[in-house]
Amino acid sequence: MSKRKLYELVNEYHIGTELSCAEAMFKACNEYYKLNLSEETRKMFSVMGIGMQTEHSCCGAFTVAVGIIGLMTAKEGETDVDNLEGYQMISELTDYMLEVCGTLHCMELQTLKSEKYDNPCHAIVEAIAKKLEDMLSNNFFTSIRINSRCN
């Protein structure tokens, strides 16, 4: 893993750039966890920013974080119903977002106020990155997979 925190990479890719929240989260996770995901994969996630490009859907950074959880927790040959670890993490991330922000809806998130940033999306993406890193590093089995990938 990088010596920097995941949220620091997310901020680097998001603040002062043209990248959407989803693209910033994807690029930061790809680098931080040394996932070596392809340009094709980046393209797939790129349209998830700005509430699936409509502002009327779920936060793009949250959506990418859910995808990363799936990638990090799904085991070869198992179906999604077998991924209880992933479901628990997604539930925890969802609960966290609803507690902190009150919604997952992009348009509503954009109306929130941030003491740290002019753009509330920067604070939201940073919060998601912090929570994601915390969850993935505190989960025993996921930590083993992350460490084997990053060493």
Protein backbone atom coordinates (compact mmCIF):
# COMPACT_ATOMS: atom_id res chain seq x y z
CA MET A 1 0.00 0.00 0.00
CA SER A 2 0.98 3.58 -0.47
CA LYS A 3 2.46 5.51 2.43
CA ARG A 4 -0.20 8.13 1.81
CA LYS A 5 -3.76 7.58 2.87
CA LEU A 6 -6.42 6.67 0.33
CA TYR A 7 -8.25 9.95 0.91
CA GLU A 8 -5.08 11.89 0.09
CA LEU A 9 -4.88 10.18 -3.30
CA VAL A 10 -8.59 10.76 -3.89
CA ASN A 11 -8.16 14.46 -3.12
CA GLU A 12 -5.17 14.65 -5.47
CA TYR A 13 -7.22 13.17 -8.30
CA HIS A 14 -10.42 15.10 -7.49
CA ILE A 15 -9.66 18.61 -6.21
CA GLY A 16 -8.65 21.07 -8.91
CA THR A 17 -9.00 18.51 -11.71
CA GLU A 18 -11.59 17.69 -14.34
CA LEU A 19 -12.12 14.18 -12.94
CA SER A 20 -15.51 13.28 -11.53
CA CYS A 21 -15.91 11.87 -8.04
CA ALA A 22 -16.19 8.37 -9.52
CA GLU A 23 -13.06 8.70 -11.66
CA ALA A 24 -11.08 10.11 -8.74
CA MET A 25 -12.19 7.29 -6.45
CA PHE A 26 -11.40 4.68 -9.10
CA LYS A 27 -7.93 6.04 -9.90
CA ALA A 28 -7.04 6.45 -6.22
CA CYS A 29 -8.19 2.92 -5.29
CA ASN A 30 -6.46 1.43 -8.31
CA GLU A 31 -3.20 3.07 -7.30
CA TYR A 32 -3.51 2.67 -3.52
CA TYR A 33 -4.41 -1.01 -3.57
CA LYS A 34 -2.22 -1.79 -6.61
CA LEU A 35 -5.18 -3.33 -8.40
CA ASN A 36 -3.72 -2.89 -11.89
CA LEU A 37 -7.19 -2.44 -13.31
CA SER A 38 -7.28 -1.71 -17.03
CA GLU A 39 -8.19 1.43 -18.93
CA GLU A 40 -11.31 -0.44 -20.01
CA THR A 41 -12.31 -0.81 -16.37
CA ARG A 42 -11.70 2.91 -15.77
CA LYS A 43 -13.99 3.69 -18.68
CA MET A 44 -16.72 1.54 -17.15
CA PHE A 45 -16.55 3.47 -13.87
CA SER A 46 -16.08 6.90 -15.50
CA VAL A 47 -19.78 7.35 -16.29
CA MET A 48 -20.79 6.80 -12.68
CA GLY A 49 -19.74 10.31 -11.64
CA ILE A 50 -22.23 13.12 -11.10
CA GLY A 51 -24.93 10.70 -10.00
CA MET A 52 -24.62 8.49 -13.09
CA GLN A 53 -24.25 11.66 -15.18
CA THR A 54 -27.76 12.80 -14.31
CA GLU A 55 -27.44 14.05 -10.72
CA HIS A 56 -30.64 12.06 -10.14
CA SER A 57 -28.93 8.90 -8.98
CA CYS A 58 -26.52 7.60 -6.35
CA CYS A 59 -23.21 9.31 -5.58
CA GLY A 60 -20.58 8.12 -8.07
CA ALA A 61 -17.80 7.89 -5.49
CA PHE A 62 -20.04 5.69 -3.33
CA THR A 63 -20.86 3.49 -6.33
CA VAL A 64 -17.18 3.00 -7.14
CA ALA A 65 -16.43 2.25 -3.48
CA VAL A 66 -19.09 -0.47 -3.59
CA GLY A 67 -17.44 -1.90 -6.71
CA ILE A 68 -14.05 -1.90 -4.97
CA ILE A 69 -15.57 -3.70 -1.97
CA GLY A 70 -16.91 -6.34 -4.34
CA LEU A 71 -13.55 -6.69 -6.03
CA MET A 72 -11.72 -7.01 -2.72
CA THR A 73 -14.17 -9.40 -1.04
CA ALA A 74 -15.54 -11.68 -3.76
CA LYS A 75 -13.85 -15.03 -3.94
CA GLU A 76 -13.13 -16.94 -7.13
CA GLY A 77 -15.97 -19.20 -8.16
CA GLU A 78 -18.49 -17.88 -5.62
CA THR A 79 -21.74 -16.23 -6.53
CA ASP A 80 -22.70 -12.89 -5.10
CA VAL A 81 -25.04 -14.45 -2.53
CA ASP A 82 -21.99 -16.10 -0.95
CA ASN A 83 -20.21 -12.78 -0.39
CA LEU A 84 -21.47 -11.98 3.10
CA GLU A 85 -18.28 -10.08 3.88
CA GLY A 86 -18.93 -7.73 0.98
CA TYR A 87 -22.59 -7.29 1.85
CA GLN A 88 -21.71 -6.41 5.44
CA MET A 89 -19.18 -3.80 4.30
CA ILE A 90 -21.60 -2.27 1.82
CA SER A 91 -24.26 -2.11 4.50
CA GLU A 92 -21.78 -0.44 6.85
CA LEU A 93 -20.75 2.09 4.20
CA THR A 94 -24.38 2.82 3.37
CA ASP A 95 -25.27 3.32 7.02
CA TYR A 96 -22.24 5.58 7.44
CA MET A 97 -23.23 7.76 4.49
CA LEU A 98 -26.83 8.02 5.63
CA GLU A 99 -25.69 8.96 9.13
CA VAL A 100 -23.11 11.52 8.02
CA CYS A 101 -24.80 12.95 4.92
CA GLY A 102 -28.44 11.93 5.24
CA THR A 103 -28.62 10.65 1.68
CA LEU A 104 -26.80 8.87 -1.14
CA HIS A 105 -28.54 10.97 -3.79
CA CYS A 106 -26.07 13.10 -5.77
CA MET A 107 -28.25 16.18 -6.15
CA GLU A 108 -29.05 16.27 -2.43
CA LEU A 109 -25.40 15.71 -1.50
CA GLN A 110 -24.41 18.73 -3.59
CA THR A 111 -26.55 20.98 -1.38
CA LEU A 112 -24.66 20.08 1.80
CA LYS A 113 -22.26 22.58 3.35
CA SER A 114 -18.63 21.82 4.09
CA GLU A 115 -16.44 23.74 6.50
CA LYS A 116 -13.30 22.46 4.79
CA TYR A 117 -14.15 22.76 1.07
CA ASP A 118 -16.16 25.11 -1.15
CA ASN A 119 -17.45 22.10 -3.05
CA PRO A 120 -19.25 19.66 -0.72
CA CYS A 121 -18.42 16.81 -3.10
CA HIS A 122 -14.77 17.05 -2.06
CA ALA A 123 -15.70 16.49 1.59
CA ILE A 124 -18.06 13.65 0.69
CA VAL A 125 -15.55 11.83 -1.52
CA GLU A 126 -12.89 12.26 1.16
CA ALA A 127 -15.23 10.82 3.81
CA ILE A 128 -16.06 7.82 1.61
CA ALA A 129 -12.36 7.17 0.98
CA LYS A 130 -11.56 7.32 4.70
CA LYS A 131 -14.38 4.93 5.56
CA LEU A 132 -13.49 2.54 2.73
CA GLU A 133 -9.84 2.40 3.76
CA ASP A 134 -10.83 1.85 7.38
CA MET A 135 -13.23 -0.97 6.55
CA LEU A 136 -10.86 -2.76 4.19
CA SER A 137 -7.87 -2.47 6.52
CA ASN A 138 -9.82 -3.61 9.58
CA ASN A 139 -11.26 -6.71 7.97
CA PHE A 140 -8.96 -9.65 8.61
CA PHE A 141 -9.46 -11.60 5.38
CA THR A 142 -9.54 -8.53 3.17
CA SER A 143 -6.36 -7.25 4.84
CA ILE A 144 -4.58 -10.48 3.95
CA ARG A 145 -5.63 -10.10 0.29
CA ILE A 146 -4.62 -6.43 0.26
CA ASN A 147 -1.23 -7.10 1.84
CA SER A 148 -0.46 -9.96 -0.54
CA ARG A 149 -1.35 -7.72 -3.48
CA CYS A 150 0.69 -4.77 -2.22
CA ASN A 151 3.89 -6.51 -1.17
